[in-house]
Amino acid sequence: MKVLTRHLVIGFLVLTVVAAQAQKKNRIQPGRMYKAGESLYAPRFGFMGKVPEGWEGTLPRESEVFLLTTTTATYGEIFVFGRDGGTLDGMKAAWAKGFDLTESIKLKGVQPTVQGDMLVSEVTAAGEYINRGFKGFAAARCNVAGPCITTLMVAPPQYYESVKNTVVEFMKGSSFSNPSTASPYAEFDWKEFLSGKVLMAYQSMQGGSKESMIHLCADGTFYADIKKKGVFKDQNPAYRGTSTGKWTVGPNGESTTIQFTFDAKEKLVPLEAPLMIKDEQVYSRSERYFAGQSDRCK
């Protein structure tokens, strides 16, 4: 039973995240692997690019540095990161002087130069955990609106030119738009997301008990098994047990309201409950929910 419960928890989590991510309009998503040719979009910097051929990339969770790795016999790593403001001339001076990449690693440019709208330079590194047998190269471009993007590569000498050329082509092929700090859920379609799903309280999932399972079918009907937890929490005790009826949800966006209209036999007045999605997690009031594929909806 514990094994089954664990698989259910994982399944619900994956379905919730995948369904939410499907509406994010290509914004870079932590933990997802991007294949060659896939588009990358970082709205905070207004940066758009594509994963180079022969490479794949990911944004590790809890990180702001996008990592590209090779999928061919060529070896090398490319790191892409941004800063909120700056100029190429200012960055050129900083690279020539040397700057701290991390608390323990310092980089220095070797005769950095501005070529058109891009700053390029071979770089040397000093500090802990440095593989001195590798060579480094960096390139940077800036959005006219302020933010700048830097791409740093490291590779063995025999692959240096190949990986360097990949960096240059990646940066030349990228483009900028107006930076945006808008929520990734500003136009989130709750109807699309919830249709055919079952909502289950996070606490219930953690404990393995089936409390407050609400099946939301695509035809607008619902089936609910309501106990003491869930979106009916703090409501009249009459909202408990098995119920059926119709559901609607709206408006689109980070926050919304779901409405339940019960079948006449239930003799219950309609009920509304708030929903919010944040950091790929769904909440009703302060209670977290999972949304998984319903096994009751046709």
C-alpha atoms as a PDB file:
ATOM      1  CA  MET A   1       0.000   0.000   0.000  1.00  0.00           C
ATOM      2  CA  LYS A   2       2.827   2.425   0.811  1.00  0.00           C
ATOM      3  CA  VAL A   3       4.391   1.785  -2.592  1.00  0.00           C
ATOM      4  CA  LEU A   4       1.066   2.392  -4.337  1.00  0.00           C
ATOM      5  CA  THR A   5       0.525   5.604  -2.370  1.00  0.00           C
ATOM      6  CA  ARG A   6       3.984   6.868  -3.281  1.00  0.00           C
ATOM      7  CA  HIS A   7       3.351   6.231  -6.980  1.00  0.00           C
ATOM      8  CA  LEU A   8       0.028   8.046  -6.729  1.00  0.00           C
ATOM      9  CA  VAL A   9       1.693  11.073  -5.159  1.00  0.00           C
ATOM     10  CA  ILE A  10       4.346  11.159  -7.890  1.00  0.00           C
ATOM     11  CA  GLY A  11       1.692  10.737 -10.594  1.00  0.00           C
ATOM     12  CA  PHE A  12      -0.443  13.570  -9.285  1.00  0.00           C
ATOM     13  CA  LEU A  13       2.560  15.858  -8.947  1.00  0.00           C
ATOM     14  CA  VAL A  14       3.742  15.182 -12.492  1.00  0.00           C
ATOM     15  CA  LEU A  15       0.289  15.749 -13.969  1.00  0.00           C
ATOM     16  CA  THR A  16      -0.135  19.014 -12.099  1.00  0.00           C
ATOM     17  CA  VAL A  17       3.228  20.383 -13.218  1.00  0.00           C
ATOM     18  CA  VAL A  18       2.955  19.195 -16.831  1.00  0.00           C
ATOM     19  CA  ALA A  19      -0.527  20.651 -17.294  1.00  0.00           C
ATOM     20  CA  ALA A  20       0.523  23.959 -15.797  1.00  0.00           C
ATOM     21  CA  GLN A  21       3.713  24.180 -17.850  1.00  0.00           C
ATOM     22  CA  ALA A  22       1.842  23.533 -21.079  1.00  0.00           C
ATOM     23  CA  GLN A  23       0.384  27.044 -20.850  1.00  0.00           C
ATOM     24  CA  LYS A  24       3.583  28.970 -20.176  1.00  0.00           C
ATOM     25  CA  LYS A  25       4.289  30.069 -23.766  1.00  0.00           C
ATOM     26  CA  ASN A  26       7.848  28.674 -24.003  1.00  0.00           C
ATOM     27  CA  ARG A  27       9.138  30.463 -20.918  1.00  0.00           C
ATOM     28  CA  ILE A  28      12.220  28.610 -19.627  1.00  0.00           C
ATOM     29  CA  GLN A  29      11.047  26.102 -17.039  1.00  0.00           C
ATOM     30  CA  PRO A  30      13.275  24.782 -14.237  1.00  0.00           C
ATOM     31  CA  GLY A  31      14.098  21.097 -14.435  1.00  0.00           C
ATOM     32  CA  ARG A  32      12.957  20.573 -18.019  1.00  0.00           C
ATOM     33  CA  MET A  33      15.410  19.238 -20.621  1.00  0.00           C
ATOM     34  CA  TYR A  34      15.455  21.239 -23.871  1.00  0.00           C
ATOM     35  CA  LYS A  35      16.528  19.455 -27.050  1.00  0.00           C
ATOM     36  CA  ALA A  36      18.383  20.854 -30.067  1.00  0.00           C
ATOM     37  CA  GLY A  37      16.271  23.374 -31.970  1.00  0.00           C
ATOM     38  CA  GLU A  38      13.892  24.117 -29.093  1.00  0.00           C
ATOM     39  CA  SER A  39      13.189  27.758 -28.290  1.00  0.00           C
ATOM     40  CA  LEU A  40      14.305  29.414 -25.072  1.00  0.00           C
ATOM     41  CA  TYR A  41      12.608  32.488 -23.633  1.00  0.00           C
ATOM     42  CA  ALA A  42      13.690  34.392 -20.517  1.00  0.00           C
ATOM     43  CA  PRO A  43      11.104  37.202 -20.144  1.00  0.00           C
ATOM     44  CA  ARG A  44      12.916  38.881 -17.247  1.00  0.00           C
ATOM     45  CA  PHE A  45      15.759  39.699 -19.660  1.00  0.00           C
ATOM     46  CA  GLY A  46      13.662  39.773 -22.832  1.00  0.00           C
ATOM     47  CA  PHE A  47      16.028  37.125 -24.233  1.00  0.00           C
ATOM     48  CA  MET A  48      15.103  34.578 -26.898  1.00  0.00           C
ATOM     49  CA  GLY A  49      17.323  31.873 -28.370  1.00  0.00           C
ATOM     50  CA  LYS A  50      17.447  28.268 -29.565  1.00  0.00           C
ATOM     51  CA  VAL A  51      19.334  25.226 -28.324  1.00  0.00           C
ATOM     52  CA  PRO A  52      22.192  24.608 -30.811  1.00  0.00           C
ATOM     53  CA  GLU A  53      22.371  21.456 -32.891  1.00  0.00           C
ATOM     54  CA  GLY A  54      24.288  18.718 -31.084  1.00  0.00           C
ATOM     55  CA  TRP A  55      23.429  20.198 -27.694  1.00  0.00           C
ATOM     56  CA  GLU A  56      20.750  20.003 -25.013  1.00  0.00           C
ATOM     57  CA  GLY A  57      20.089  22.260 -22.072  1.00  0.00           C
ATOM     58  CA  THR A  58      18.357  22.654 -18.755  1.00  0.00           C
ATOM     59  CA  LEU A  59      17.808  25.220 -16.017  1.00  0.00           C
ATOM     60  CA  PRO A  60      18.578  23.325 -12.822  1.00  0.00           C
ATOM     61  CA  ARG A  61      16.069  23.946 -10.031  1.00  0.00           C
ATOM     62  CA  GLU A  62      17.142  26.610  -7.543  1.00  0.00           C
ATOM     63  CA  SER A  63      19.522  28.010 -10.175  1.00  0.00           C
ATOM     64  CA  GLU A  64      19.562  31.037 -12.461  1.00  0.00           C
ATOM     65  CA  VAL A  65      22.230  29.636 -14.817  1.00  0.00           C
ATOM     66  CA  PHE A  66      21.068  27.730 -17.907  1.00  0.00           C
ATOM     67  CA  LEU A  67      23.400  24.814 -18.716  1.00  0.00           C
ATOM     68  CA  LEU A  68      24.060  23.457 -22.223  1.00  0.00           C
ATOM     69  CA  THR A  69      25.855  20.130 -22.688  1.00  0.00           C
ATOM     70  CA  THR A  70      26.894  18.267 -25.826  1.00  0.00           C
ATOM     71  CA  THR A  71      25.106  15.231 -27.210  1.00  0.00           C
ATOM     72  CA  THR A  72      27.964  14.340 -29.590  1.00  0.00           C
ATOM     73  CA  ALA A  73      31.561  13.182 -29.182  1.00  0.00           C
ATOM     74  CA  THR A  74      32.612  16.816 -28.724  1.00  0.00           C
ATOM     75  CA  TYR A  75      33.035  17.678 -25.054  1.00  0.00           C
ATOM     76  CA  GLY A  76      32.283  21.018 -23.463  1.00  0.00           C
ATOM     77  CA  GLU A  77      29.843  22.927 -21.270  1.00  0.00           C
ATOM     78  CA  ILE A  78      28.135  26.240 -21.927  1.00  0.00           C
ATOM     79  CA  PHE A  79      26.633  28.384 -19.178  1.00  0.00           C
ATOM     80  CA  VAL A  80      24.091  31.117 -19.983  1.00  0.00           C
ATOM     81  CA  PHE A  81      23.175  33.719 -17.388  1.00  0.00           C
ATOM     82  CA  GLY A  82      21.824  37.245 -17.231  1.00  0.00           C
ATOM     83  CA  ARG A  83      22.159  40.474 -15.303  1.00  0.00           C
ATOM     84  CA  ASP A  84      19.520  43.159 -14.933  1.00  0.00           C
ATOM     85  CA  GLY A  85      21.587  46.029 -16.328  1.00  0.00           C
ATOM     86  CA  GLY A  86      24.918  47.029 -17.837  1.00  0.00           C
ATOM     87  CA  THR A  87      26.729  48.005 -21.031  1.00  0.00           C
ATOM     88  CA  LEU A  88      29.218  46.185 -23.234  1.00  0.00           C
ATOM     89  CA  ASP A  89      31.870  48.816 -22.537  1.00  0.00           C
ATOM     90  CA  GLY A  90      31.341  48.453 -18.802  1.00  0.00           C
ATOM     91  CA  MET A  91      31.517  44.676 -19.024  1.00  0.00           C
ATOM     92  CA  LYS A  92      34.637  44.900 -21.206  1.00  0.00           C
ATOM     93  CA  ALA A  93      36.427  46.887 -18.516  1.00  0.00           C
ATOM     94  CA  ALA A  94      35.287  44.443 -15.812  1.00  0.00           C
ATOM     95  CA  TRP A  95      36.420  41.423 -17.825  1.00  0.00           C
ATOM     96  CA  ALA A  96      39.849  42.976 -18.461  1.00  0.00           C
ATOM     97  CA  LYS A  97      40.261  43.676 -14.746  1.00  0.00           C
ATOM     98  CA  GLY A  98      38.890  40.320 -13.631  1.00  0.00           C
ATOM     99  CA  PHE A  99      35.655  39.587 -11.808  1.00  0.00           C
ATOM    100  CA  ASP A 100      34.240  37.085  -9.331  1.00  0.00           C
ATOM    101  CA  LEU A 101      32.061  34.448 -10.954  1.00  0.00           C
ATOM    102  CA  THR A 102      31.397  32.830  -7.576  1.00  0.00           C
ATOM    103  CA  GLU A 103      32.839  33.284  -4.097  1.00  0.00           C
ATOM    104  CA  SER A 104      35.659  30.897  -4.968  1.00  0.00           C
ATOM    105  CA  ILE A 105      36.148  31.374  -8.738  1.00  0.00           C
ATOM    106  CA  LYS A 106      37.499  34.474 -10.472  1.00  0.00           C
ATOM    107  CA  LEU A 107      37.479  34.987 -14.237  1.00  0.00           C
ATOM    108  CA  LYS A 108      39.584  37.336 -16.332  1.00  0.00           C
ATOM    109  CA  GLY A 109      39.245  38.205 -19.990  1.00  0.00           C
ATOM    110  CA  VAL A 110      42.198  37.960 -22.379  1.00  0.00           C
ATOM    111  CA  GLN A 111      42.004  41.130 -24.482  1.00  0.00           C
ATOM    112  CA  PRO A 112      38.176  41.359 -24.519  1.00  0.00           C
ATOM    113  CA  THR A 113      36.855  43.104 -27.626  1.00  0.00           C
ATOM    114  CA  VAL A 114      33.503  44.422 -28.808  1.00  0.00           C
ATOM    115  CA  GLN A 115      32.552  43.029 -32.212  1.00  0.00           C
ATOM    116  CA  GLY A 116      29.408  44.745 -33.440  1.00  0.00           C
ATOM    117  CA  ASP A 117      26.827  44.273 -30.678  1.00  0.00           C
ATOM    118  CA  MET A 118      28.697  41.459 -28.927  1.00  0.00           C
ATOM    119  CA  LEU A 119      31.545  41.378 -26.414  1.00  0.00           C
ATOM    120  CA  VAL A 120      33.849  38.372 -26.812  1.00  0.00           C
ATOM    121  CA  SER A 121      36.965  37.142 -25.058  1.00  0.00           C
ATOM    122  CA  GLU A 122      38.991  34.111 -24.167  1.00  0.00           C
ATOM    123  CA  VAL A 123      38.917  33.821 -20.368  1.00  0.00           C
ATOM    124  CA  THR A 124      41.177  32.394 -17.714  1.00  0.00           C
ATOM    125  CA  ALA A 125      39.997  31.174 -14.331  1.00  0.00           C
ATOM    126  CA  ALA A 126      41.511  31.135 -10.866  1.00  0.00           C
ATOM    127  CA  GLY A 127      40.206  29.582  -7.670  1.00  0.00           C
ATOM    128  CA  GLU A 128      39.045  26.286  -6.247  1.00  0.00           C
ATOM    129  CA  TYR A 129      38.014  23.265  -8.321  1.00  0.00           C
ATOM    130  CA  ILE A 130      39.387  24.717 -11.582  1.00  0.00           C
ATOM    131  CA  ASN A 131      40.411  22.253 -14.293  1.00  0.00           C
ATOM    132  CA  ARG A 132      43.466  24.055 -15.592  1.00  0.00           C
ATOM    133  CA  GLY A 133      43.639  21.757 -18.594  1.00  0.00           C
ATOM    134  CA  PHE A 134      40.449  23.342 -19.998  1.00  0.00           C
ATOM    135  CA  LYS A 135      40.102  26.591 -21.922  1.00  0.00           C
ATOM    136  CA  GLY A 136      37.354  29.158 -21.536  1.00  0.00           C
ATOM    137  CA  PHE A 137      35.571  31.672 -23.754  1.00  0.00           C
ATOM    138  CA  ALA A 138      32.803  34.179 -23.063  1.00  0.00           C
ATOM    139  CA  ALA A 139      30.415  36.270 -25.141  1.00  0.00           C
ATOM    140  CA  ALA A 140      27.849  38.860 -24.075  1.00  0.00           C
ATOM    141  CA  ARG A 141      25.056  40.891 -25.625  1.00  0.00           C
ATOM    142  CA  CYS A 142      22.804  43.523 -24.074  1.00  0.00           C
ATOM    143  CA  ASN A 143      19.141  44.334 -24.528  1.00  0.00           C
ATOM    144  CA  VAL A 144      18.617  48.008 -25.437  1.00  0.00           C
ATOM    145  CA  ALA A 145      16.159  48.015 -22.528  1.00  0.00           C
ATOM    146  CA  GLY A 146      18.964  47.260 -20.079  1.00  0.00           C
ATOM    147  CA  PRO A 147      19.494  43.556 -19.259  1.00  0.00           C
ATOM    148  CA  CYS A 148      22.552  41.712 -20.572  1.00  0.00           C
ATOM    149  CA  ILE A 149      23.135  38.026 -21.328  1.00  0.00           C
ATOM    150  CA  THR A 150      26.527  36.350 -20.897  1.00  0.00           C
ATOM    151  CA  THR A 151      27.468  32.949 -22.304  1.00  0.00           C
ATOM    152  CA  LEU A 152      30.517  31.218 -20.823  1.00  0.00           C
ATOM    153  CA  MET A 153      32.031  28.004 -22.195  1.00  0.00           C
ATOM    154  CA  VAL A 154      34.701  25.597 -20.969  1.00  0.00           C
ATOM    155  CA  ALA A 155      36.193  22.776 -23.025  1.00  0.00           C
ATOM    156  CA  PRO A 156      39.384  20.746 -23.497  1.00  0.00           C
ATOM    157  CA  PRO A 157      41.837  22.444 -25.900  1.00  0.00           C
ATOM    158  CA  GLN A 158      41.048  20.042 -28.763  1.00  0.00           C
ATOM    159  CA  TYR A 159      37.384  21.068 -28.683  1.00  0.00           C
ATOM    160  CA  TYR A 160      37.866  24.749 -27.880  1.00  0.00           C
ATOM    161  CA  GLU A 161      37.333  26.163 -31.380  1.00  0.00           C
ATOM    162  CA  SER A 162      34.285  23.995 -32.040  1.00  0.00           C
ATOM    163  CA  VAL A 163      32.544  24.937 -28.790  1.00  0.00           C
ATOM    164  CA  LYS A 164      33.600  28.581 -29.149  1.00  0.00           C
ATOM    165  CA  ASN A 165      31.955  28.692 -32.586  1.00  0.00           C
ATOM    166  CA  THR A 166      28.787  27.207 -31.051  1.00  0.00           C
ATOM    167  CA  VAL A 167      28.717  30.012 -28.473  1.00  0.00           C
ATOM    168  CA  VAL A 168      29.183  32.709 -31.107  1.00  0.00           C
ATOM    169  CA  GLU A 169      26.460  31.278 -33.367  1.00  0.00           C
ATOM    170  CA  PHE A 170      24.102  30.829 -30.409  1.00  0.00           C
ATOM    171  CA  MET A 171      24.534  34.447 -29.393  1.00  0.00           C
ATOM    172  CA  LYS A 172      24.296  35.791 -32.962  1.00  0.00           C
ATOM    173  CA  GLY A 173      21.070  33.831 -33.464  1.00  0.00           C
ATOM    174  CA  SER A 174      19.477  35.137 -30.285  1.00  0.00           C
ATOM    175  CA  SER A 175      17.231  38.191 -30.064  1.00  0.00           C
ATOM    176  CA  PHE A 176      15.765  40.566 -27.511  1.00  0.00           C
ATOM    177  CA  SER A 177      12.317  41.909 -26.741  1.00  0.00           C
ATOM    178  CA  ASN A 178      10.981  44.138 -23.972  1.00  0.00           C
ATOM    179  CA  PRO A 179      11.731  42.594 -20.551  1.00  0.00           C
ATOM    180  CA  SER A 180       8.681  41.472 -18.602  1.00  0.00           C
ATOM    181  CA  THR A 181       8.094  40.661 -14.939  1.00  0.00           C
ATOM    182  CA  ALA A 182       4.511  39.558 -15.550  1.00  0.00           C
ATOM    183  CA  SER A 183       3.362  36.394 -13.834  1.00  0.00           C
ATOM    184  CA  PRO A 184       3.751  33.270 -16.002  1.00  0.00           C
ATOM    185  CA  TYR A 185       0.116  32.584 -15.087  1.00  0.00           C
ATOM    186  CA  ALA A 186      -1.263  35.960 -16.206  1.00  0.00           C
ATOM    187  CA  GLU A 187      -3.403  34.237 -18.870  1.00  0.00           C
ATOM    188  CA  PHE A 188      -3.660  30.812 -17.242  1.00  0.00           C
ATOM    189  CA  ASP A 189      -6.698  28.913 -18.581  1.00  0.00           C
ATOM    190  CA  TRP A 190      -8.244  27.203 -15.566  1.00  0.00           C
ATOM    191  CA  LYS A 191     -11.018  25.545 -17.580  1.00  0.00           C
ATOM    192  CA  GLU A 192      -8.458  23.840 -19.813  1.00  0.00           C
ATOM    193  CA  PHE A 193      -6.265  22.897 -16.870  1.00  0.00           C
ATOM    194  CA  LEU A 194      -9.005  21.441 -14.634  1.00  0.00           C
ATOM    195  CA  SER A 195     -11.148  19.643 -17.207  1.00  0.00           C
ATOM    196  CA  GLY A 196     -10.922  15.888 -16.776  1.00  0.00           C
ATOM    197  CA  LYS A 197      -8.943  16.235 -13.545  1.00  0.00           C
ATOM    198  CA  VAL A 198      -9.498  15.281  -9.931  1.00  0.00           C
ATOM    199  CA  LEU A 199      -8.505  17.704  -7.189  1.00  0.00           C
ATOM    200  CA  MET A 200      -7.104  16.223  -3.993  1.00  0.00           C
ATOM    201  CA  ALA A 201      -5.821  18.025  -0.917  1.00  0.00           C
ATOM    202  CA  TYR A 202      -2.040  17.858  -0.478  1.00  0.00           C
ATOM    203  CA  GLN A 203      -2.401  16.783   3.162  1.00  0.00           C
ATOM    204  CA  SER A 204      -4.628  13.928   2.073  1.00  0.00           C
ATOM    205  CA  MET A 205      -2.103  12.817  -0.533  1.00  0.00           C
ATOM    206  CA  GLN A 206       0.717  12.919   1.995  1.00  0.00           C
ATOM    207  CA  GLY A 207      -1.208  10.734   4.404  1.00  0.00           C
ATOM    208  CA  GLY A 208      -2.589   8.428   1.742  1.00  0.00           C
ATOM    209  CA  SER A 209      -6.216   9.058   2.755  1.00  0.00           C
ATOM    210  CA  LYS A 210      -8.816   9.875   0.123  1.00  0.00           C
ATOM    211  CA  GLU A 211     -10.416  12.984   1.517  1.00  0.00           C
ATOM    212  CA  SER A 212     -12.172  15.650  -0.526  1.00  0.00           C
ATOM    213  CA  MET A 213     -11.634  14.178  -3.982  1.00  0.00           C
ATOM    214  CA  ILE A 214     -13.429  16.330  -6.552  1.00  0.00           C
ATOM    215  CA  HIS A 215     -13.651  14.993 -10.120  1.00  0.00           C
ATOM    216  CA  LEU A 216     -14.091  17.851 -12.634  1.00  0.00           C
ATOM    217  CA  CYS A 217     -15.260  16.435 -15.958  1.00  0.00           C
ATOM    218  CA  ALA A 218     -14.776  18.242 -19.268  1.00  0.00           C
ATOM    219  CA  ASP A 219     -18.553  18.324 -19.895  1.00  0.00           C
ATOM    220  CA  GLY A 220     -18.984  20.591 -16.866  1.00  0.00           C
ATOM    221  CA  THR A 221     -20.204  17.955 -14.412  1.00  0.00           C
ATOM    222  CA  PHE A 222     -18.518  17.059 -11.156  1.00  0.00           C
ATOM    223  CA  TYR A 223     -18.482  14.196  -8.695  1.00  0.00           C
ATOM    224  CA  ALA A 224     -17.215  14.896  -5.184  1.00  0.00           C
ATOM    225  CA  ASP A 225     -16.477  12.788  -2.121  1.00  0.00           C
ATOM    226  CA  ILE A 226     -16.288  15.484   0.547  1.00  0.00           C
ATOM    227  CA  LYS A 227     -14.960  14.901   4.021  1.00  0.00           C
ATOM    228  CA  LYS A 228     -13.449  17.309   6.530  1.00  0.00           C
ATOM    229  CA  LYS A 229     -10.712  18.759   4.310  1.00  0.00           C
ATOM    230  CA  GLY A 230     -10.580  20.559   0.991  1.00  0.00           C
ATOM    231  CA  VAL A 231     -12.263  23.417  -0.844  1.00  0.00           C
ATOM    232  CA  PHE A 232     -15.409  22.865   1.257  1.00  0.00           C
ATOM    233  CA  LYS A 233     -13.408  23.385   4.434  1.00  0.00           C
ATOM    234  CA  ASP A 234     -15.020  25.835   6.901  1.00  0.00           C
ATOM    235  CA  GLN A 235     -18.288  25.609   4.991  1.00  0.00           C
ATOM    236  CA  ASN A 236     -21.648  24.378   6.259  1.00  0.00           C
ATOM    237  CA  PRO A 237     -21.398  20.730   7.501  1.00  0.00           C
ATOM    238  CA  ALA A 238     -24.086  19.893   4.945  1.00  0.00           C
ATOM    239  CA  TYR A 239     -21.357  20.009   2.279  1.00  0.00           C
ATOM    240  CA  ARG A 240     -20.048  16.585   3.141  1.00  0.00           C
ATOM    241  CA  GLY A 241     -20.291  13.123   1.633  1.00  0.00           C
ATOM    242  CA  THR A 242     -20.988  12.249  -1.998  1.00  0.00           C
ATOM    243  CA  SER A 243     -22.261  15.075  -4.215  1.00  0.00           C
ATOM    244  CA  THR A 244     -22.813  15.661  -7.929  1.00  0.00           C
ATOM    245  CA  GLY A 245     -23.652  18.685 -10.054  1.00  0.00           C
ATOM    246  CA  LYS A 246     -22.157  21.252 -12.432  1.00  0.00           C
ATOM    247  CA  TRP A 247     -18.936  23.239 -12.155  1.00  0.00           C
ATOM    248  CA  THR A 248     -17.619  26.397 -13.788  1.00  0.00           C
ATOM    249  CA  VAL A 249     -14.432  28.371 -13.274  1.00  0.00           C
ATOM    250  CA  GLY A 250     -13.217  31.846 -14.166  1.00  0.00           C
ATOM    251  CA  PRO A 251     -11.660  34.254 -14.859  1.00  0.00           C
ATOM    252  CA  ASN A 252      -8.308  33.196 -16.352  1.00  0.00           C
ATOM    253  CA  GLY A 253      -5.187  34.267 -14.492  1.00  0.00           C
ATOM    254  CA  GLU A 254      -3.136  33.452 -11.431  1.00  0.00           C
ATOM    255  CA  SER A 255      -6.208  33.561  -9.191  1.00  0.00           C
ATOM    256  CA  THR A 256      -9.738  32.476  -9.997  1.00  0.00           C
ATOM    257  CA  THR A 257     -12.998  31.196  -8.518  1.00  0.00           C
ATOM    258  CA  ILE A 258     -14.526  27.770  -9.015  1.00  0.00           C
ATOM    259  CA  GLN A 259     -18.318  27.508  -8.706  1.00  0.00           C
ATOM    260  CA  PHE A 260     -20.287  24.376  -7.824  1.00  0.00           C
ATOM    261  CA  THR A 261     -23.998  24.047  -8.543  1.00  0.00           C
ATOM    262  CA  PHE A 262     -25.408  20.916  -6.937  1.00  0.00           C
ATOM    263  CA  ASP A 263     -28.017  18.605  -8.435  1.00  0.00           C
ATOM    264  CA  ALA A 264     -31.546  19.269  -7.155  1.00  0.00           C
ATOM    265  CA  LYS A 265     -31.591  16.039  -5.132  1.00  0.00           C
ATOM    266  CA  GLU A 266     -28.686  17.372  -3.037  1.00  0.00           C
ATOM    267  CA  LYS A 267     -30.796  20.283  -1.738  1.00  0.00           C
ATOM    268  CA  LEU A 268     -27.687  22.413  -1.380  1.00  0.00           C
ATOM    269  CA  VAL A 269     -27.183  26.039  -2.389  1.00  0.00           C
ATOM    270  CA  PRO A 270     -24.376  26.798  -4.902  1.00  0.00           C
ATOM    271  CA  LEU A 271     -20.876  27.164  -3.511  1.00  0.00           C
ATOM    272  CA  GLU A 272     -17.824  29.157  -4.608  1.00  0.00           C
ATOM    273  CA  ALA A 273     -14.183  28.573  -3.660  1.00  0.00           C
ATOM    274  CA  PRO A 274     -11.008  30.536  -4.544  1.00  0.00           C
ATOM    275  CA  LEU A 275      -8.152  28.891  -6.446  1.00  0.00           C
ATOM    276  CA  MET A 276      -4.613  30.156  -6.989  1.00  0.00           C
ATOM    277  CA  ILE A 277      -1.590  28.773  -8.825  1.00  0.00           C
ATOM    278  CA  LYS A 278       1.905  29.783  -7.777  1.00  0.00           C
ATOM    279  CA  ASP A 279       5.271  28.166  -8.468  1.00  0.00           C
ATOM    280  CA  GLU A 280       3.472  25.271 -10.207  1.00  0.00           C
ATOM    281  CA  GLN A 281       1.403  24.581  -7.095  1.00  0.00           C
ATOM    282  CA  VAL A 282      -2.376  24.907  -6.751  1.00  0.00           C
ATOM    283  CA  TYR A 283      -4.014  26.313  -3.620  1.00  0.00           C
ATOM    284  CA  SER A 284      -7.530  26.888  -2.310  1.00  0.00           C
ATOM    285  CA  ARG A 285      -7.242  29.418   0.462  1.00  0.00           C
ATOM    286  CA  SER A 286      -4.135  28.231   2.338  1.00  0.00           C
ATOM    287  CA  GLU A 287      -4.503  24.547   1.430  1.00  0.00           C
ATOM    288  CA  ARG A 288      -2.402  23.001  -1.332  1.00  0.00           C
ATOM    289  CA  TYR A 289      -3.900  20.731  -3.995  1.00  0.00           C
ATOM    290  CA  PHE A 290      -2.773  18.195  -6.560  1.00  0.00           C
ATOM    291  CA  ALA A 291      -4.584  17.882  -9.881  1.00  0.00           C
ATOM    292  CA  GLY A 292      -4.400  14.448 -11.504  1.00  0.00           C
ATOM    293  CA  GLN A 293      -6.201  12.671 -14.300  1.00  0.00           C
ATOM    294  CA  SER A 294      -9.694  11.631 -13.189  1.00  0.00           C
ATOM    295  CA  ASP A 295     -10.647   7.975 -13.425  1.00  0.00           C
ATOM    296  CA  ARG A 296     -14.370   8.817 -13.242  1.00  0.00           C
ATOM    297  CA  CYS A 297     -14.752  11.281 -16.097  1.00  0.00           C
ATOM    298  CA  LYS A 298     -15.446   9.835 -19.547  1.00  0.00           C
END
